[in-house]
Every structure is written in structure tokens, then in C-alpha cells.
Amino acid sequence: MASPVELVLSVARNLVAKPDEARAVWREAERTVEITVAPEDRGKIIGRRGKTIDSLRVLINTAFGEENKRLDIRLVED
């Protein structure tokens, strides 16, 4: 099975106009996947009213979350 980073990165690259600039890093201490995309693609990851990034959070928690241990996704600026 893929890792949370691979899953999030795969979905993110399919959403953005510049997939080569998409990066994802796992932060173990925070149990967070940090995504970096081109500035003009940030809105595509966030989505209207945050629905896209919220859906990504549900997806990784369904696939990789453990009971009482949630994963998070954070969009960071480069």
C-alpha cells in the first residue's frame, strides 16, 4: 500500500496546473503531510470553502488513520 505522502501527492498532482512543482513531506511529530504547490495552484488544493483539502484529510484518515490518531494535511508556502 502507498504511504500517506504518496497518496496525497498523487491526488494533488492531478488537481494542479503545474504538477511538477507539487511536493509533499511527512512530519512524524505532528502526524502531518505538508504539501507545497505553485502559488497559482494553492486555490485548487484548498477548494471552495476548503472542501478539497478537507476531502483529502478524510481520504488519508480513512486509508491510514488509526483509532485515536488522526493524520493532517497542511498546505505550506515555499
PDB file of N, CA and C in Angstrom:
ATOM      1  N   MET A   1       0.848  -1.180   0.000  1.00  0.00           N
ATOM      2  CA  MET A   1       0.000   0.000   0.000  1.00  0.00           C
ATOM      3  C   MET A   1       0.892   1.242   0.000  1.00  0.00           C
ATOM      4  N   ALA A   2       0.428   2.272  -0.647  1.00  0.00           N
ATOM      5  CA  ALA A   2       1.168   3.534  -0.712  1.00  0.00           C
ATOM      6  C   ALA A   2       1.201   4.202   0.668  1.00  0.00           C
ATOM      7  N   SER A   3       2.104   5.135   0.811  1.00  0.00           N
ATOM      8  CA  SER A   3       2.184   5.895   2.061  1.00  0.00           C
ATOM      9  C   SER A   3       1.232   7.087   1.977  1.00  0.00           C
ATOM     10  N   PRO A   4       0.950   7.730   3.108  1.00  0.00           N
ATOM     11  CA  PRO A   4       0.103   8.934   3.064  1.00  0.00           C
ATOM     12  C   PRO A   4       0.681  10.001   2.135  1.00  0.00           C
ATOM     13  N   VAL A   5       2.002  10.145   2.131  1.00  0.00           N
ATOM     14  CA  VAL A   5       2.632  11.160   1.278  1.00  0.00           C
ATOM     15  C   VAL A   5       2.403  10.842  -0.192  1.00  0.00           C
ATOM     16  N   GLU A   6       2.589   9.585  -0.580  1.00  0.00           N
ATOM     17  CA  GLU A   6       2.390   9.199  -1.970  1.00  0.00           C
ATOM     18  C   GLU A   6       0.947   9.395  -2.407  1.00  0.00           C
ATOM     19  N   LEU A   7       0.009   9.057  -1.535  1.00  0.00           N
ATOM     20  CA  LEU A   7      -1.407   9.221  -1.862  1.00  0.00           C
ATOM     21  C   LEU A   7      -1.770  10.687  -2.041  1.00  0.00           C
ATOM     22  N   VAL A   8      -1.376  11.518  -1.088  1.00  0.00           N
ATOM     23  CA  VAL A   8      -1.693  12.945  -1.159  1.00  0.00           C
ATOM     24  C   VAL A   8      -1.017  13.588  -2.371  1.00  0.00           C
ATOM     25  N   LEU A   9       0.225  13.241  -2.615  1.00  0.00           N
ATOM     26  CA  LEU A   9       0.961  13.809  -3.744  1.00  0.00           C
ATOM     27  C   LEU A   9       0.330  13.395  -5.072  1.00  0.00           C
ATOM     28  N   SER A  10      -0.100  12.168  -5.179  1.00  0.00           N
ATOM     29  CA  SER A  10      -0.747  11.697  -6.397  1.00  0.00           C
ATOM     30  C   SER A  10      -2.035  12.474  -6.676  1.00  0.00           C
ATOM     31  N   VAL A  11      -2.855  12.649  -5.670  1.00  0.00           N
ATOM     32  CA  VAL A  11      -4.102  13.391  -5.839  1.00  0.00           C
ATOM     33  C   VAL A  11      -3.802  14.859  -6.148  1.00  0.00           C
ATOM     34  N   ALA A  12      -2.870  15.450  -5.416  1.00  0.00           N
ATOM     35  CA  ALA A  12      -2.535  16.865  -5.618  1.00  0.00           C
ATOM     36  C   ALA A  12      -2.023  17.114  -7.029  1.00  0.00           C
ATOM     37  N   ARG A  13      -1.179  16.236  -7.536  1.00  0.00           N
ATOM     38  CA  ARG A  13      -0.637  16.426  -8.890  1.00  0.00           C
ATOM     39  C   ARG A  13      -1.719  16.342  -9.949  1.00  0.00           C
ATOM     40  N   ASN A  14      -2.788  15.618  -9.670  1.00  0.00           N
ATOM     41  CA  ASN A  14      -3.897  15.550 -10.622  1.00  0.00           C
ATOM     42  C   ASN A  14      -4.822  16.754 -10.534  1.00  0.00           C
ATOM     43  N   LEU A  15      -4.715  17.531  -9.484  1.00  0.00           N
ATOM     44  CA  LEU A  15      -5.572  18.702  -9.315  1.00  0.00           C
ATOM     45  C   LEU A  15      -4.953  19.983  -9.859  1.00  0.00           C
ATOM     46  N   VAL A  16      -3.644  20.079  -9.867  1.00  0.00           N
ATOM     47  CA  VAL A  16      -2.974  21.351 -10.156  1.00  0.00           C
ATOM     48  C   VAL A  16      -2.560  21.474 -11.619  1.00  0.00           C
ATOM     49  N   ALA A  17      -2.295  22.725 -12.030  1.00  0.00           N
ATOM     50  CA  ALA A  17      -1.854  23.011 -13.397  1.00  0.00           C
ATOM     51  C   ALA A  17      -0.368  22.726 -13.582  1.00  0.00           C
ATOM     52  N   LYS A  18       0.405  22.826 -12.512  1.00  0.00           N
ATOM     53  CA  LYS A  18       1.851  22.579 -12.566  1.00  0.00           C
ATOM     54  C   LYS A  18       2.212  21.409 -11.651  1.00  0.00           C
ATOM     55  N   PRO A  19       1.941  20.179 -12.086  1.00  0.00           N
ATOM     56  CA  PRO A  19       2.177  19.018 -11.221  1.00  0.00           C
ATOM     57  C   PRO A  19       3.645  18.791 -10.877  1.00  0.00           C
ATOM     58  N   ASP A  20       4.565  19.246 -11.713  1.00  0.00           N
ATOM     59  CA  ASP A  20       5.990  19.051 -11.431  1.00  0.00           C
ATOM     60  C   ASP A  20       6.461  19.853 -10.229  1.00  0.00           C
ATOM     61  N   GLU A  21       5.707  20.886  -9.859  1.00  0.00           N
ATOM     62  CA  GLU A  21       6.094  21.720  -8.727  1.00  0.00           C
ATOM     63  C   GLU A  21       5.471  21.257  -7.403  1.00  0.00           C
ATOM     64  N   ALA A  22       4.635  20.248  -7.459  1.00  0.00           N
ATOM     65  CA  ALA A  22       3.988  19.738  -6.244  1.00  0.00           C
ATOM     66  C   ALA A  22       4.979  18.875  -5.458  1.00  0.00           C
ATOM     67  N   ARG A  23       5.045  19.113  -4.160  1.00  0.00           N
ATOM     68  CA  ARG A  23       5.922  18.366  -3.259  1.00  0.00           C
ATOM     69  C   ARG A  23       5.130  18.017  -1.996  1.00  0.00           C
ATOM     70  N   ALA A  24       5.496  16.918  -1.372  1.00  0.00           N
ATOM     71  CA  ALA A  24       4.857  16.532  -0.112  1.00  0.00           C
ATOM     72  C   ALA A  24       5.911  15.934   0.805  1.00  0.00           C
ATOM     73  N   VAL A  25       5.807  16.264   2.092  1.00  0.00           N
ATOM     74  CA  VAL A  25       6.757  15.799   3.105  1.00  0.00           C
ATOM     75  C   VAL A  25       5.974  15.323   4.321  1.00  0.00           C
ATOM     76  N   TRP A  26       6.421  14.213   4.928  1.00  0.00           N
ATOM     77  CA  TRP A  26       5.793  13.680   6.134  1.00  0.00           C
ATOM     78  C   TRP A  26       6.493  14.243   7.361  1.00  0.00           C
ATOM     79  N   ARG A  27       5.736  14.790   8.294  1.00  0.00           N
ATOM     80  CA  ARG A  27       6.255  15.275   9.580  1.00  0.00           C
ATOM     81  C   ARG A  27       5.727  14.336  10.660  1.00  0.00           C
ATOM     82  N   GLU A  28       6.576  13.448  11.127  1.00  0.00           N
ATOM     83  CA  GLU A  28       6.173  12.410  12.073  1.00  0.00           C
ATOM     84  C   GLU A  28       5.672  12.983  13.397  1.00  0.00           C
ATOM     85  N   ALA A  29       6.359  13.980  13.926  1.00  0.00           N
ATOM     86  CA  ALA A  29       5.996  14.528  15.238  1.00  0.00           C
ATOM     87  C   ALA A  29       4.561  15.069  15.250  1.00  0.00           C
ATOM     88  N   GLU A  30       4.142  15.680  14.137  1.00  0.00           N
ATOM     89  CA  GLU A  30       2.791  16.249  14.060  1.00  0.00           C
ATOM     90  C   GLU A  30       1.798  15.311  13.374  1.00  0.00           C
ATOM     91  N   ARG A  31       2.302  14.172  12.835  1.00  0.00           N
ATOM     92  CA  ARG A  31       1.488  13.259  12.024  1.00  0.00           C
ATOM     93  C   ARG A  31       0.798  14.025  10.904  1.00  0.00           C
ATOM     94  N   THR A  32       1.608  14.793  10.168  1.00  0.00           N
ATOM     95  CA  THR A  32       1.099  15.699   9.149  1.00  0.00           C
ATOM     96  C   THR A  32       1.828  15.523   7.830  1.00  0.00           C
ATOM     97  N   VAL A  33       1.076  15.588   6.741  1.00  0.00           N
ATOM     98  CA  VAL A  33       1.656  15.669   5.406  1.00  0.00           C
ATOM     99  C   VAL A  33       1.633  17.148   5.018  1.00  0.00           C
ATOM    100  N   GLU A  34       2.801  17.695   4.715  1.00  0.00           N
ATOM    101  CA  GLU A  34       2.887  19.088   4.278  1.00  0.00           C
ATOM    102  C   GLU A  34       2.998  19.106   2.756  1.00  0.00           C
ATOM    103  N   ILE A  35       2.107  19.846   2.119  1.00  0.00           N
ATOM    104  CA  ILE A  35       2.079  19.955   0.658  1.00  0.00           C
ATOM    105  C   ILE A  35       2.570  21.340   0.260  1.00  0.00           C
ATOM    106  N   THR A  36       3.388  21.384  -0.778  1.00  0.00           N
ATOM    107  CA  THR A  36       3.830  22.635  -1.380  1.00  0.00           C
ATOM    108  C   THR A  36       3.494  22.562  -2.861  1.00  0.00           C
ATOM    109  N   VAL A  37       2.813  23.575  -3.372  1.00  0.00           N
ATOM    110  CA  VAL A  37       2.477  23.655  -4.796  1.00  0.00           C
ATOM    111  C   VAL A  37       2.805  25.054  -5.302  1.00  0.00           C
ATOM    112  N   ALA A  38       2.734  25.235  -6.607  1.00  0.00           N
ATOM    113  CA  ALA A  38       2.952  26.557  -7.196  1.00  0.00           C
ATOM    114  C   ALA A  38       1.922  27.528  -6.618  1.00  0.00           C
ATOM    115  N   PRO A  39       2.315  28.798  -6.435  1.00  0.00           N
ATOM    116  CA  PRO A  39       1.389  29.770  -5.830  1.00  0.00           C
ATOM    117  C   PRO A  39       0.022  29.851  -6.527  1.00  0.00           C
ATOM    118  N   GLU A  40       0.014  29.741  -7.837  1.00  0.00           N
ATOM    119  CA  GLU A  40      -1.269  29.836  -8.555  1.00  0.00           C
ATOM    120  C   GLU A  40      -2.120  28.576  -8.409  1.00  0.00           C
ATOM    121  N   ASP A  41      -1.562  27.504  -7.881  1.00  0.00           N
ATOM    122  CA  ASP A  41      -2.307  26.258  -7.680  1.00  0.00           C
ATOM    123  C   ASP A  41      -2.823  26.077  -6.258  1.00  0.00           C
ATOM    124  N   ARG A  42      -2.481  26.973  -5.353  1.00  0.00           N
ATOM    125  CA  ARG A  42      -2.898  26.830  -3.958  1.00  0.00           C
ATOM    126  C   ARG A  42      -4.418  26.746  -3.823  1.00  0.00           C
ATOM    127  N   GLY A  43      -5.131  27.560  -4.570  1.00  0.00           N
ATOM    128  CA  GLY A  43      -6.587  27.557  -4.500  1.00  0.00           C
ATOM    129  C   GLY A  43      -7.202  26.243  -4.950  1.00  0.00           C
ATOM    130  N   LYS A  44      -6.552  25.559  -5.874  1.00  0.00           N
ATOM    131  CA  LYS A  44      -7.058  24.276  -6.357  1.00  0.00           C
ATOM    132  C   LYS A  44      -6.932  23.202  -5.286  1.00  0.00           C
ATOM    133  N   ILE A  45      -5.912  23.287  -4.455  1.00  0.00           N
ATOM    134  CA  ILE A  45      -5.751  22.326  -3.358  1.00  0.00           C
ATOM    135  C   ILE A  45      -6.732  22.632  -2.237  1.00  0.00           C
ATOM    136  N   ILE A  46      -6.920  23.906  -1.949  1.00  0.00           N
ATOM    137  CA  ILE A  46      -7.842  24.296  -0.877  1.00  0.00           C
ATOM    138  C   ILE A  46      -9.285  24.033  -1.292  1.00  0.00           C
ATOM    139  N   GLY A  47      -9.650  24.452  -2.481  1.00  0.00           N
ATOM    140  CA  GLY A  47     -11.013  24.262  -2.975  1.00  0.00           C
ATOM    141  C   GLY A  47     -11.962  25.293  -2.410  1.00  0.00           C
ATOM    142  N   ARG A  48     -13.155  25.270  -2.932  1.00  0.00           N
ATOM    143  CA  ARG A  48     -14.174  26.208  -2.486  1.00  0.00           C
ATOM    144  C   ARG A  48     -14.553  25.899  -1.041  1.00  0.00           C
ATOM    145  N   ARG A  49     -14.398  26.911  -0.196  1.00  0.00           N
ATOM    146  CA  ARG A  49     -14.684  26.788   1.242  1.00  0.00           C
ATOM    147  C   ARG A  49     -13.876  25.674   1.912  1.00  0.00           C
ATOM    148  N   GLY A  50     -12.714  25.333   1.343  1.00  0.00           N
ATOM    149  CA  GLY A  50     -11.849  24.337   1.946  1.00  0.00           C
ATOM    150  C   GLY A  50     -12.285  22.900   1.740  1.00  0.00           C
ATOM    151  N   LYS A  51     -13.234  22.683   0.837  1.00  0.00           N
ATOM    152  CA  LYS A  51     -13.783  21.336   0.669  1.00  0.00           C
ATOM    153  C   LYS A  51     -12.779  20.342   0.082  1.00  0.00           C
ATOM    154  N   THR A  52     -11.908  20.792  -0.807  1.00  0.00           N
ATOM    155  CA  THR A  52     -10.955  19.864  -1.421  1.00  0.00           C
ATOM    156  C   THR A  52      -9.933  19.366  -0.407  1.00  0.00           C
ATOM    157  N   ILE A  53      -9.333  20.276   0.341  1.00  0.00           N
ATOM    158  CA  ILE A  53      -8.336  19.846   1.335  1.00  0.00           C
ATOM    159  C   ILE A  53      -8.996  19.048   2.459  1.00  0.00           C
ATOM    160  N   ASP A  54     -10.225  19.379   2.802  1.00  0.00           N
ATOM    161  CA  ASP A  54     -10.944  18.585   3.797  1.00  0.00           C
ATOM    162  C   ASP A  54     -11.191  17.166   3.285  1.00  0.00           C
ATOM    163  N   SER A  55     -11.509  17.043   2.006  1.00  0.00           N
ATOM    164  CA  SER A  55     -11.716  15.720   1.413  1.00  0.00           C
ATOM    165  C   SER A  55     -10.424  14.917   1.408  1.00  0.00           C
ATOM    166  N   LEU A  56      -9.305  15.580   1.150  1.00  0.00           N
ATOM    167  CA  LEU A  56      -8.006  14.904   1.212  1.00  0.00           C
ATOM    168  C   LEU A  56      -7.735  14.398   2.626  1.00  0.00           C
ATOM    169  N   ARG A  57      -8.096  15.180   3.610  1.00  0.00           N
ATOM    170  CA  ARG A  57      -7.909  14.762   5.010  1.00  0.00           C
ATOM    171  C   ARG A  57      -8.735  13.514   5.323  1.00  0.00           C
ATOM    172  N   VAL A  58      -9.975  13.503   4.862  1.00  0.00           N
ATOM    173  CA  VAL A  58     -10.836  12.336   5.077  1.00  0.00           C
ATOM    174  C   VAL A  58     -10.236  11.121   4.383  1.00  0.00           C
ATOM    175  N   LEU A  59      -9.740  11.311   3.175  1.00  0.00           N
ATOM    176  CA  LEU A  59      -9.161  10.219   2.405  1.00  0.00           C
ATOM    177  C   LEU A  59      -7.963   9.592   3.116  1.00  0.00           C
ATOM    178  N   ILE A  60      -7.010  10.413   3.568  1.00  0.00           N
ATOM    179  CA  ILE A  60      -5.830   9.820   4.212  1.00  0.00           C
ATOM    180  C   ILE A  60      -6.165   9.230   5.577  1.00  0.00           C
ATOM    181  N   ASN A  61      -7.134   9.797   6.268  1.00  0.00           N
ATOM    182  CA  ASN A  61      -7.512   9.224   7.561  1.00  0.00           C
ATOM    183  C   ASN A  61      -8.262   7.906   7.394  1.00  0.00           C
ATOM    184  N   THR A  62      -9.023   7.791   6.328  1.00  0.00           N
ATOM    185  CA  THR A  62      -9.701   6.528   6.050  1.00  0.00           C
ATOM    186  C   THR A  62      -8.691   5.455   5.678  1.00  0.00           C
ATOM    187  N   ALA A  63      -7.704   5.845   4.873  1.00  0.00           N
ATOM    188  CA  ALA A  63      -6.714   4.870   4.397  1.00  0.00           C
ATOM    189  C   ALA A  63      -5.639   4.551   5.435  1.00  0.00           C
ATOM    190  N   PHE A  64      -5.209   5.548   6.208  1.00  0.00           N
ATOM    191  CA  PHE A  64      -4.034   5.363   7.059  1.00  0.00           C
ATOM    192  C   PHE A  64      -4.234   5.697   8.533  1.00  0.00           C
ATOM    193  N   GLY A  65      -5.354   6.300   8.881  1.00  0.00           N
ATOM    194  CA  GLY A  65      -5.557   6.706  10.267  1.00  0.00           C
ATOM    195  C   GLY A  65      -5.747   5.521  11.188  1.00  0.00           C
ATOM    196  N   GLU A  66      -5.339   5.706  12.401  1.00  0.00           N
ATOM    197  CA  GLU A  66      -5.525   4.693  13.432  1.00  0.00           C
ATOM    198  C   GLU A  66      -6.504   5.258  14.457  1.00  0.00           C
ATOM    199  N   GLU A  67      -7.092   4.372  15.212  1.00  0.00           N
ATOM    200  CA  GLU A  67      -8.042   4.821  16.211  1.00  0.00           C
ATOM    201  C   GLU A  67      -7.365   5.791  17.178  1.00  0.00           C
ATOM    202  N   ASN A  68      -7.982   6.931  17.391  1.00  0.00           N
ATOM    203  CA  ASN A  68      -7.486   7.992  18.271  1.00  0.00           C
ATOM    204  C   ASN A  68      -6.174   8.622  17.798  1.00  0.00           C
ATOM    205  N   LYS A  69      -5.778   8.395  16.557  1.00  0.00           N
ATOM    206  CA  LYS A  69      -4.566   9.007  15.997  1.00  0.00           C
ATOM    207  C   LYS A  69      -4.879   9.492  14.598  1.00  0.00           C
ATOM    208  N   ARG A  70      -5.236  10.756  14.495  1.00  0.00           N
ATOM    209  CA  ARG A  70      -5.610  11.318  13.204  1.00  0.00           C
ATOM    210  C   ARG A  70      -4.393  11.865  12.475  1.00  0.00           C
ATOM    211  N   LEU A  71      -4.472  11.861  11.162  1.00  0.00           N
ATOM    212  CA  LEU A  71      -3.460  12.466  10.317  1.00  0.00           C
ATOM    213  C   LEU A  71      -3.977  13.813   9.842  1.00  0.00           C
ATOM    214  N   ASP A  72      -3.081  14.710   9.476  1.00  0.00           N
ATOM    215  CA  ASP A  72      -3.486  16.015   8.993  1.00  0.00           C
ATOM    216  C   ASP A  72      -2.739  16.332   7.711  1.00  0.00           C
ATOM    217  N   ILE A  73      -3.276  17.282   6.961  1.00  0.00           N
ATOM    218  CA  ILE A  73      -2.614  17.815   5.773  1.00  0.00           C
ATOM    219  C   ILE A  73      -2.505  19.301   5.957  1.00  0.00           C
ATOM    220  N   ARG A  74      -1.319  19.807   5.689  1.00  0.00           N
ATOM    221  CA  ARG A  74      -1.071  21.247   5.809  1.00  0.00           C
ATOM    222  C   ARG A  74      -0.504  21.751   4.488  1.00  0.00           C
ATOM    223  N   LEU A  75      -1.093  22.801   3.947  1.00  0.00           N
ATOM    224  CA  LEU A  75      -0.580  23.443   2.736  1.00  0.00           C
ATOM    225  C   LEU A  75       0.395  24.524   3.169  1.00  0.00           C
ATOM    226  N   VAL A  76       1.651  24.407   2.753  1.00  0.00           N
ATOM    227  CA  VAL A  76       2.670  25.348   3.170  1.00  0.00           C
ATOM    228  C   VAL A  76       3.171  26.132   1.964  1.00  0.00           C
ATOM    229  N   GLU A  77       3.622  27.345   2.238  1.00  0.00           N
ATOM    230  CA  GLU A  77       4.195  28.177   1.180  1.00  0.00           C
ATOM    231  C   GLU A  77       5.670  27.832   1.023  1.00  0.00           C
ATOM    232  N   ASP A  78       6.110  27.875  -0.211  1.00  0.00           N
ATOM    233  CA  ASP A  78       7.510  27.562  -0.492  1.00  0.00           C
ATOM    234  C   ASP A  78       8.411  28.736  -0.191  1.00  0.00           C
TER     235      ASP A  78
END
